[in-house]
N, C-alpha and C. Protein backbone atom coordinates (compact mmCIF):
# COMPACT_ATOMS: atom_id res chain seq x y z
N UNK A 1 -160.48 -23.19 -68.66
CA UNK A 1 -161.03 -24.54 -68.71
C UNK A 1 -159.94 -25.53 -68.31
N UNK A 2 -160.32 -26.50 -67.49
CA UNK A 2 -159.35 -27.47 -66.97
C UNK A 2 -159.40 -28.75 -67.80
N UNK A 3 -158.23 -29.26 -68.12
CA UNK A 3 -158.11 -30.54 -68.80
C UNK A 3 -157.09 -31.39 -68.05
N UNK A 4 -157.39 -32.68 -67.93
CA UNK A 4 -156.42 -33.64 -67.41
C UNK A 4 -155.90 -34.44 -68.59
N UNK A 5 -154.59 -34.48 -68.73
CA UNK A 5 -153.98 -35.16 -69.87
C UNK A 5 -153.13 -36.31 -69.36
N UNK A 6 -153.53 -37.53 -69.73
CA UNK A 6 -152.79 -38.72 -69.32
C UNK A 6 -151.78 -39.11 -70.39
N UNK A 7 -150.72 -39.75 -69.95
CA UNK A 7 -149.72 -40.28 -70.89
C UNK A 7 -149.05 -41.49 -70.24
N UNK A 8 -148.36 -42.27 -71.08
CA UNK A 8 -147.58 -43.39 -70.56
C UNK A 8 -148.18 -44.75 -70.79
N UNK A 9 -149.38 -44.82 -71.33
CA UNK A 9 -149.98 -46.12 -71.59
C UNK A 9 -149.31 -46.83 -72.75
N UNK A 10 -149.67 -48.10 -72.94
CA UNK A 10 -149.09 -48.84 -74.05
C UNK A 10 -149.25 -50.33 -73.86
N UNK A 11 -148.53 -51.05 -74.71
CA UNK A 11 -148.54 -52.51 -74.69
C UNK A 11 -147.29 -52.99 -73.96
N UNK A 12 -147.47 -53.89 -73.03
CA UNK A 12 -146.32 -54.40 -72.28
C UNK A 12 -146.51 -55.88 -72.03
N UNK A 13 -145.42 -56.62 -72.04
CA UNK A 13 -145.49 -58.05 -71.78
C UNK A 13 -145.79 -58.31 -70.30
N UNK A 14 -146.42 -59.42 -70.00
CA UNK A 14 -146.67 -59.76 -68.59
C UNK A 14 -145.38 -59.72 -67.78
N UNK A 15 -145.48 -59.08 -66.63
CA UNK A 15 -144.31 -58.91 -65.78
C UNK A 15 -143.58 -57.61 -66.01
N UNK A 16 -143.97 -56.89 -67.05
CA UNK A 16 -143.33 -55.63 -67.38
C UNK A 16 -143.84 -54.47 -66.55
N UNK A 17 -143.30 -53.28 -66.86
CA UNK A 17 -143.64 -52.08 -66.09
C UNK A 17 -144.03 -50.94 -67.01
N UNK A 18 -144.87 -50.07 -66.48
CA UNK A 18 -145.25 -48.83 -67.14
C UNK A 18 -145.44 -47.78 -66.07
N UNK A 19 -145.24 -46.52 -66.45
CA UNK A 19 -145.55 -45.41 -65.56
C UNK A 19 -146.53 -44.48 -66.27
N UNK A 20 -147.69 -44.28 -65.65
CA UNK A 20 -148.68 -43.35 -66.17
C UNK A 20 -148.51 -41.99 -65.49
N UNK A 21 -148.73 -40.95 -66.27
CA UNK A 21 -148.70 -39.58 -65.74
C UNK A 21 -149.99 -38.88 -66.10
N UNK A 22 -150.40 -37.97 -65.24
CA UNK A 22 -151.60 -37.18 -65.51
C UNK A 22 -151.34 -35.76 -65.05
N UNK A 23 -151.35 -34.84 -65.98
CA UNK A 23 -151.09 -33.44 -65.67
C UNK A 23 -152.33 -32.61 -65.94
N UNK A 24 -152.63 -31.71 -65.03
CA UNK A 24 -153.78 -30.81 -65.20
C UNK A 24 -153.33 -29.52 -65.86
N UNK A 25 -154.07 -29.13 -66.86
CA UNK A 25 -153.81 -27.83 -67.50
C UNK A 25 -154.97 -26.90 -67.20
N UNK A 26 -154.69 -25.61 -67.20
CA UNK A 26 -155.75 -24.67 -66.87
C UNK A 26 -155.71 -24.30 -65.40
N UNK A 27 -156.67 -23.50 -65.01
CA UNK A 27 -156.71 -22.98 -63.65
C UNK A 27 -157.44 -23.95 -62.73
N UNK A 28 -156.67 -24.70 -61.98
CA UNK A 28 -157.26 -25.63 -61.01
C UNK A 28 -156.60 -25.37 -59.67
N UNK A 29 -157.42 -25.06 -58.67
CA UNK A 29 -156.90 -24.63 -57.37
C UNK A 29 -157.48 -25.52 -56.28
N UNK A 30 -156.65 -25.84 -55.30
CA UNK A 30 -157.15 -26.55 -54.13
C UNK A 30 -157.36 -28.04 -54.34
N UNK A 31 -156.45 -28.66 -55.09
CA UNK A 31 -156.58 -30.12 -55.29
C UNK A 31 -156.36 -30.82 -53.96
N UNK A 32 -157.26 -31.70 -53.58
CA UNK A 32 -157.07 -32.47 -52.37
C UNK A 32 -157.09 -33.97 -52.62
N UNK A 33 -157.50 -34.37 -53.82
CA UNK A 33 -157.64 -35.79 -54.15
C UNK A 33 -157.19 -36.02 -55.57
N UNK A 34 -156.36 -37.05 -55.77
CA UNK A 34 -155.96 -37.48 -57.10
C UNK A 34 -156.02 -39.00 -57.13
N UNK A 35 -156.56 -39.53 -58.21
CA UNK A 35 -156.70 -40.97 -58.27
C UNK A 35 -156.61 -41.51 -59.68
N UNK A 36 -156.39 -42.81 -59.76
CA UNK A 36 -156.41 -43.55 -61.02
C UNK A 36 -157.51 -44.60 -60.95
N UNK A 37 -158.31 -44.65 -61.99
CA UNK A 37 -159.36 -45.63 -62.13
C UNK A 37 -159.12 -46.37 -63.44
N UNK A 38 -159.76 -47.53 -63.59
CA UNK A 38 -159.63 -48.25 -64.86
C UNK A 38 -160.95 -48.92 -65.21
N UNK A 39 -161.10 -49.13 -66.50
CA UNK A 39 -162.31 -49.78 -67.00
C UNK A 39 -161.92 -50.75 -68.09
N UNK A 40 -162.18 -52.02 -67.83
CA UNK A 40 -161.93 -53.07 -68.82
C UNK A 40 -163.19 -53.27 -69.65
N UNK A 41 -163.07 -53.83 -70.85
CA UNK A 41 -164.25 -54.05 -71.69
C UNK A 41 -165.32 -54.85 -70.96
N UNK A 42 -166.54 -54.35 -70.99
CA UNK A 42 -167.65 -55.06 -70.38
C UNK A 42 -167.73 -54.96 -68.88
N UNK A 43 -166.84 -54.18 -68.27
CA UNK A 43 -166.82 -54.05 -66.81
C UNK A 43 -167.03 -52.60 -66.39
N UNK A 44 -167.39 -52.42 -65.12
CA UNK A 44 -167.55 -51.08 -64.59
C UNK A 44 -166.19 -50.47 -64.28
N UNK A 45 -166.18 -49.15 -64.27
CA UNK A 45 -164.96 -48.44 -63.88
C UNK A 45 -164.70 -48.69 -62.40
N UNK A 46 -163.42 -48.96 -62.08
CA UNK A 46 -163.07 -49.27 -60.70
C UNK A 46 -161.86 -48.46 -60.26
N UNK A 47 -161.78 -48.23 -58.96
CA UNK A 47 -160.64 -47.53 -58.40
C UNK A 47 -159.41 -48.42 -58.45
N UNK A 48 -158.31 -47.87 -58.90
CA UNK A 48 -157.02 -48.57 -58.86
C UNK A 48 -156.22 -48.10 -57.64
N UNK A 49 -156.06 -46.79 -57.53
CA UNK A 49 -155.32 -46.21 -56.41
C UNK A 49 -155.65 -44.73 -56.31
N UNK A 50 -155.58 -44.20 -55.09
CA UNK A 50 -155.75 -42.77 -54.93
C UNK A 50 -154.86 -42.23 -53.83
N UNK A 51 -154.71 -40.90 -53.84
CA UNK A 51 -153.87 -40.24 -52.85
C UNK A 51 -154.50 -38.90 -52.51
N UNK A 52 -154.51 -38.58 -51.23
CA UNK A 52 -155.07 -37.31 -50.79
C UNK A 52 -153.95 -36.34 -50.43
N UNK A 53 -154.32 -35.11 -50.18
CA UNK A 53 -153.32 -34.06 -49.98
C UNK A 53 -152.47 -34.28 -48.73
N UNK A 54 -152.95 -35.12 -47.80
CA UNK A 54 -152.14 -35.41 -46.61
C UNK A 54 -151.23 -36.61 -46.83
N UNK A 55 -151.23 -37.15 -48.04
CA UNK A 55 -150.35 -38.25 -48.39
C UNK A 55 -150.94 -39.63 -48.19
N UNK A 56 -152.18 -39.70 -47.73
CA UNK A 56 -152.81 -41.00 -47.53
C UNK A 56 -153.11 -41.66 -48.87
N UNK A 57 -152.87 -42.95 -48.96
CA UNK A 57 -153.10 -43.68 -50.21
C UNK A 57 -154.04 -44.85 -49.98
N UNK A 58 -154.72 -45.21 -51.06
CA UNK A 58 -155.59 -46.38 -51.08
C UNK A 58 -155.29 -47.16 -52.34
N UNK A 59 -155.27 -48.48 -52.24
CA UNK A 59 -155.03 -49.34 -53.41
C UNK A 59 -156.10 -50.42 -53.49
N UNK A 60 -156.47 -50.75 -54.71
CA UNK A 60 -157.29 -51.93 -54.91
C UNK A 60 -156.48 -53.16 -54.50
N UNK A 61 -157.16 -54.14 -53.94
CA UNK A 61 -156.45 -55.35 -53.49
C UNK A 61 -155.67 -56.00 -54.64
N UNK A 62 -156.21 -55.91 -55.83
CA UNK A 62 -155.60 -56.59 -56.98
C UNK A 62 -154.26 -55.98 -57.40
N UNK A 63 -153.97 -54.76 -56.95
CA UNK A 63 -152.72 -54.10 -57.37
C UNK A 63 -151.76 -53.83 -56.21
N UNK A 64 -152.18 -54.13 -54.99
CA UNK A 64 -151.31 -53.89 -53.84
C UNK A 64 -149.99 -54.63 -53.99
N UNK A 65 -148.92 -53.91 -53.70
CA UNK A 65 -147.59 -54.49 -53.82
C UNK A 65 -147.01 -54.42 -55.22
N UNK A 66 -147.81 -54.05 -56.20
CA UNK A 66 -147.32 -53.96 -57.58
C UNK A 66 -147.36 -52.53 -58.12
N UNK A 67 -148.38 -51.77 -57.71
CA UNK A 67 -148.56 -50.40 -58.22
C UNK A 67 -148.26 -49.40 -57.11
N UNK A 68 -147.75 -48.24 -57.50
CA UNK A 68 -147.49 -47.17 -56.56
C UNK A 68 -147.99 -45.85 -57.13
N UNK A 69 -148.81 -45.15 -56.34
CA UNK A 69 -149.32 -43.85 -56.76
C UNK A 69 -148.53 -42.76 -56.04
N UNK A 70 -148.28 -41.68 -56.76
CA UNK A 70 -147.63 -40.53 -56.15
C UNK A 70 -148.18 -39.26 -56.80
N UNK A 71 -148.12 -38.17 -56.07
CA UNK A 71 -148.70 -36.94 -56.58
C UNK A 71 -147.85 -35.74 -56.27
N UNK A 72 -147.97 -34.74 -57.09
CA UNK A 72 -147.28 -33.47 -56.89
C UNK A 72 -148.32 -32.37 -57.06
N UNK A 73 -148.85 -31.87 -55.94
CA UNK A 73 -149.92 -30.87 -56.02
C UNK A 73 -149.44 -29.59 -56.69
N UNK A 74 -148.19 -29.23 -56.43
CA UNK A 74 -147.68 -27.99 -57.03
C UNK A 74 -147.65 -28.07 -58.54
N UNK A 75 -147.33 -29.25 -59.06
CA UNK A 75 -147.30 -29.46 -60.51
C UNK A 75 -148.63 -29.95 -61.04
N UNK A 76 -149.60 -30.19 -60.12
CA UNK A 76 -150.93 -30.68 -60.52
C UNK A 76 -150.80 -31.97 -61.32
N UNK A 77 -149.91 -32.83 -60.87
CA UNK A 77 -149.62 -34.06 -61.61
C UNK A 77 -149.70 -35.26 -60.67
N UNK A 78 -150.24 -36.35 -61.18
CA UNK A 78 -150.29 -37.60 -60.43
C UNK A 78 -149.70 -38.70 -61.31
N UNK A 79 -148.99 -39.62 -60.66
CA UNK A 79 -148.30 -40.70 -61.36
C UNK A 79 -148.80 -42.05 -60.85
N UNK A 80 -148.67 -43.05 -61.71
CA UNK A 80 -148.96 -44.42 -61.30
C UNK A 80 -147.86 -45.31 -61.86
N UNK A 81 -147.00 -45.79 -60.96
CA UNK A 81 -145.95 -46.72 -61.34
C UNK A 81 -146.54 -48.12 -61.26
N UNK A 82 -146.51 -48.83 -62.39
CA UNK A 82 -147.10 -50.17 -62.45
C UNK A 82 -146.01 -51.18 -62.75
N UNK A 83 -145.81 -52.10 -61.83
CA UNK A 83 -144.84 -53.17 -61.99
C UNK A 83 -145.55 -54.51 -62.00
N UNK A 84 -144.90 -55.51 -62.54
CA UNK A 84 -145.49 -56.85 -62.54
C UNK A 84 -146.84 -56.90 -63.22
N UNK A 85 -146.94 -56.23 -64.36
CA UNK A 85 -148.23 -56.16 -65.04
C UNK A 85 -148.72 -57.54 -65.46
N UNK A 86 -150.03 -57.70 -65.37
CA UNK A 86 -150.69 -58.96 -65.72
C UNK A 86 -151.71 -58.71 -66.83
N UNK A 87 -152.11 -59.74 -67.55
CA UNK A 87 -153.16 -59.55 -68.55
C UNK A 87 -154.43 -58.96 -67.95
N UNK A 88 -154.74 -59.29 -66.68
CA UNK A 88 -155.94 -58.75 -66.02
C UNK A 88 -155.86 -57.25 -65.77
N UNK A 89 -154.67 -56.67 -65.90
CA UNK A 89 -154.54 -55.22 -65.74
C UNK A 89 -154.93 -54.47 -67.01
N UNK A 90 -155.20 -55.21 -68.07
CA UNK A 90 -155.57 -54.57 -69.33
C UNK A 90 -156.87 -53.79 -69.17
N UNK A 91 -156.80 -52.50 -69.49
CA UNK A 91 -157.97 -51.62 -69.32
C UNK A 91 -157.61 -50.23 -69.83
N UNK A 92 -158.62 -49.39 -69.91
CA UNK A 92 -158.38 -47.97 -70.10
C UNK A 92 -158.25 -47.34 -68.72
N UNK A 93 -157.18 -46.62 -68.49
CA UNK A 93 -156.89 -46.01 -67.20
C UNK A 93 -157.23 -44.53 -67.25
N UNK A 94 -157.99 -44.09 -66.25
CA UNK A 94 -158.46 -42.71 -66.19
C UNK A 94 -157.90 -42.02 -64.95
N UNK A 95 -157.51 -40.79 -65.14
CA UNK A 95 -157.06 -39.95 -64.06
C UNK A 95 -158.25 -39.14 -63.53
N UNK A 96 -158.26 -38.89 -62.22
CA UNK A 96 -159.37 -38.17 -61.59
C UNK A 96 -158.80 -37.23 -60.54
N UNK A 97 -159.23 -35.99 -60.54
CA UNK A 97 -158.80 -35.03 -59.54
C UNK A 97 -159.99 -34.25 -58.99
N UNK A 98 -159.94 -33.97 -57.70
CA UNK A 98 -161.01 -33.22 -57.04
C UNK A 98 -160.41 -32.05 -56.27
N UNK A 99 -161.21 -31.00 -56.14
CA UNK A 99 -160.74 -29.83 -55.41
C UNK A 99 -161.62 -29.57 -54.18
N UNK A 100 -161.07 -28.77 -53.28
CA UNK A 100 -161.81 -28.38 -52.08
C UNK A 100 -163.08 -27.60 -52.43
N UNK A 101 -163.12 -27.01 -53.61
CA UNK A 101 -164.24 -26.18 -54.01
C UNK A 101 -165.37 -26.97 -54.65
N UNK A 102 -165.22 -28.31 -54.65
CA UNK A 102 -166.31 -29.14 -55.16
C UNK A 102 -166.21 -29.49 -56.63
N UNK A 103 -165.10 -29.11 -57.26
CA UNK A 103 -164.94 -29.45 -58.67
C UNK A 103 -164.27 -30.82 -58.82
N UNK A 104 -164.67 -31.56 -59.84
CA UNK A 104 -164.10 -32.88 -60.12
C UNK A 104 -163.82 -32.99 -61.60
N UNK A 105 -162.68 -33.57 -61.92
CA UNK A 105 -162.24 -33.65 -63.32
C UNK A 105 -161.78 -35.06 -63.65
N UNK A 106 -162.03 -35.45 -64.91
CA UNK A 106 -161.58 -36.74 -65.42
C UNK A 106 -160.73 -36.52 -66.67
N UNK A 107 -159.73 -37.37 -66.83
CA UNK A 107 -158.97 -37.38 -68.06
C UNK A 107 -159.69 -38.19 -69.12
N UNK A 108 -159.11 -38.21 -70.32
CA UNK A 108 -159.75 -38.88 -71.45
C UNK A 108 -159.45 -40.38 -71.47
N UNK A 109 -158.48 -40.80 -70.67
CA UNK A 109 -158.15 -42.22 -70.60
C UNK A 109 -156.94 -42.58 -71.44
N UNK A 110 -156.20 -43.56 -70.97
CA UNK A 110 -155.06 -44.09 -71.72
C UNK A 110 -155.09 -45.61 -71.65
N UNK A 111 -154.86 -46.26 -72.77
CA UNK A 111 -154.97 -47.72 -72.85
C UNK A 111 -153.70 -48.38 -72.31
N UNK A 112 -153.91 -49.36 -71.44
CA UNK A 112 -152.82 -50.21 -70.96
C UNK A 112 -153.18 -51.65 -71.32
N UNK A 113 -152.26 -52.31 -72.00
CA UNK A 113 -152.51 -53.69 -72.41
C UNK A 113 -151.34 -54.56 -71.95
N UNK A 114 -151.65 -55.53 -71.14
CA UNK A 114 -150.63 -56.47 -70.68
C UNK A 114 -150.82 -57.79 -71.41
N UNK A 115 -150.02 -57.99 -72.42
CA UNK A 115 -150.21 -59.17 -73.26
C UNK A 115 -148.90 -59.54 -73.93
N UNK A 116 -148.73 -60.83 -74.15
CA UNK A 116 -147.56 -61.27 -74.89
C UNK A 116 -147.90 -61.39 -76.37
């Protein structure tokens, strides 16, 4: 059974930084997509950033220039470096991974709060 385990969330002052990590446990083969999504209270889940196996990345306009996604397929781990955090970045952040075989997995979420 595959589990995605996120870590690195927390409370940070505006302008601060956090790094989120997401590691897959269990037998997961053929990862081609890894991404971070977030969901704020009362809002729909939205894409923050993603990366494919060829290294292509996508970022939400709201985080461009502040967040950086990186992945290590061999370690089945994806990271999200977040700089210049704002109160609007406050949300539960979810990790998402997909495989060539049609499987998709979500993590349980980690809370990020940007507040003074």
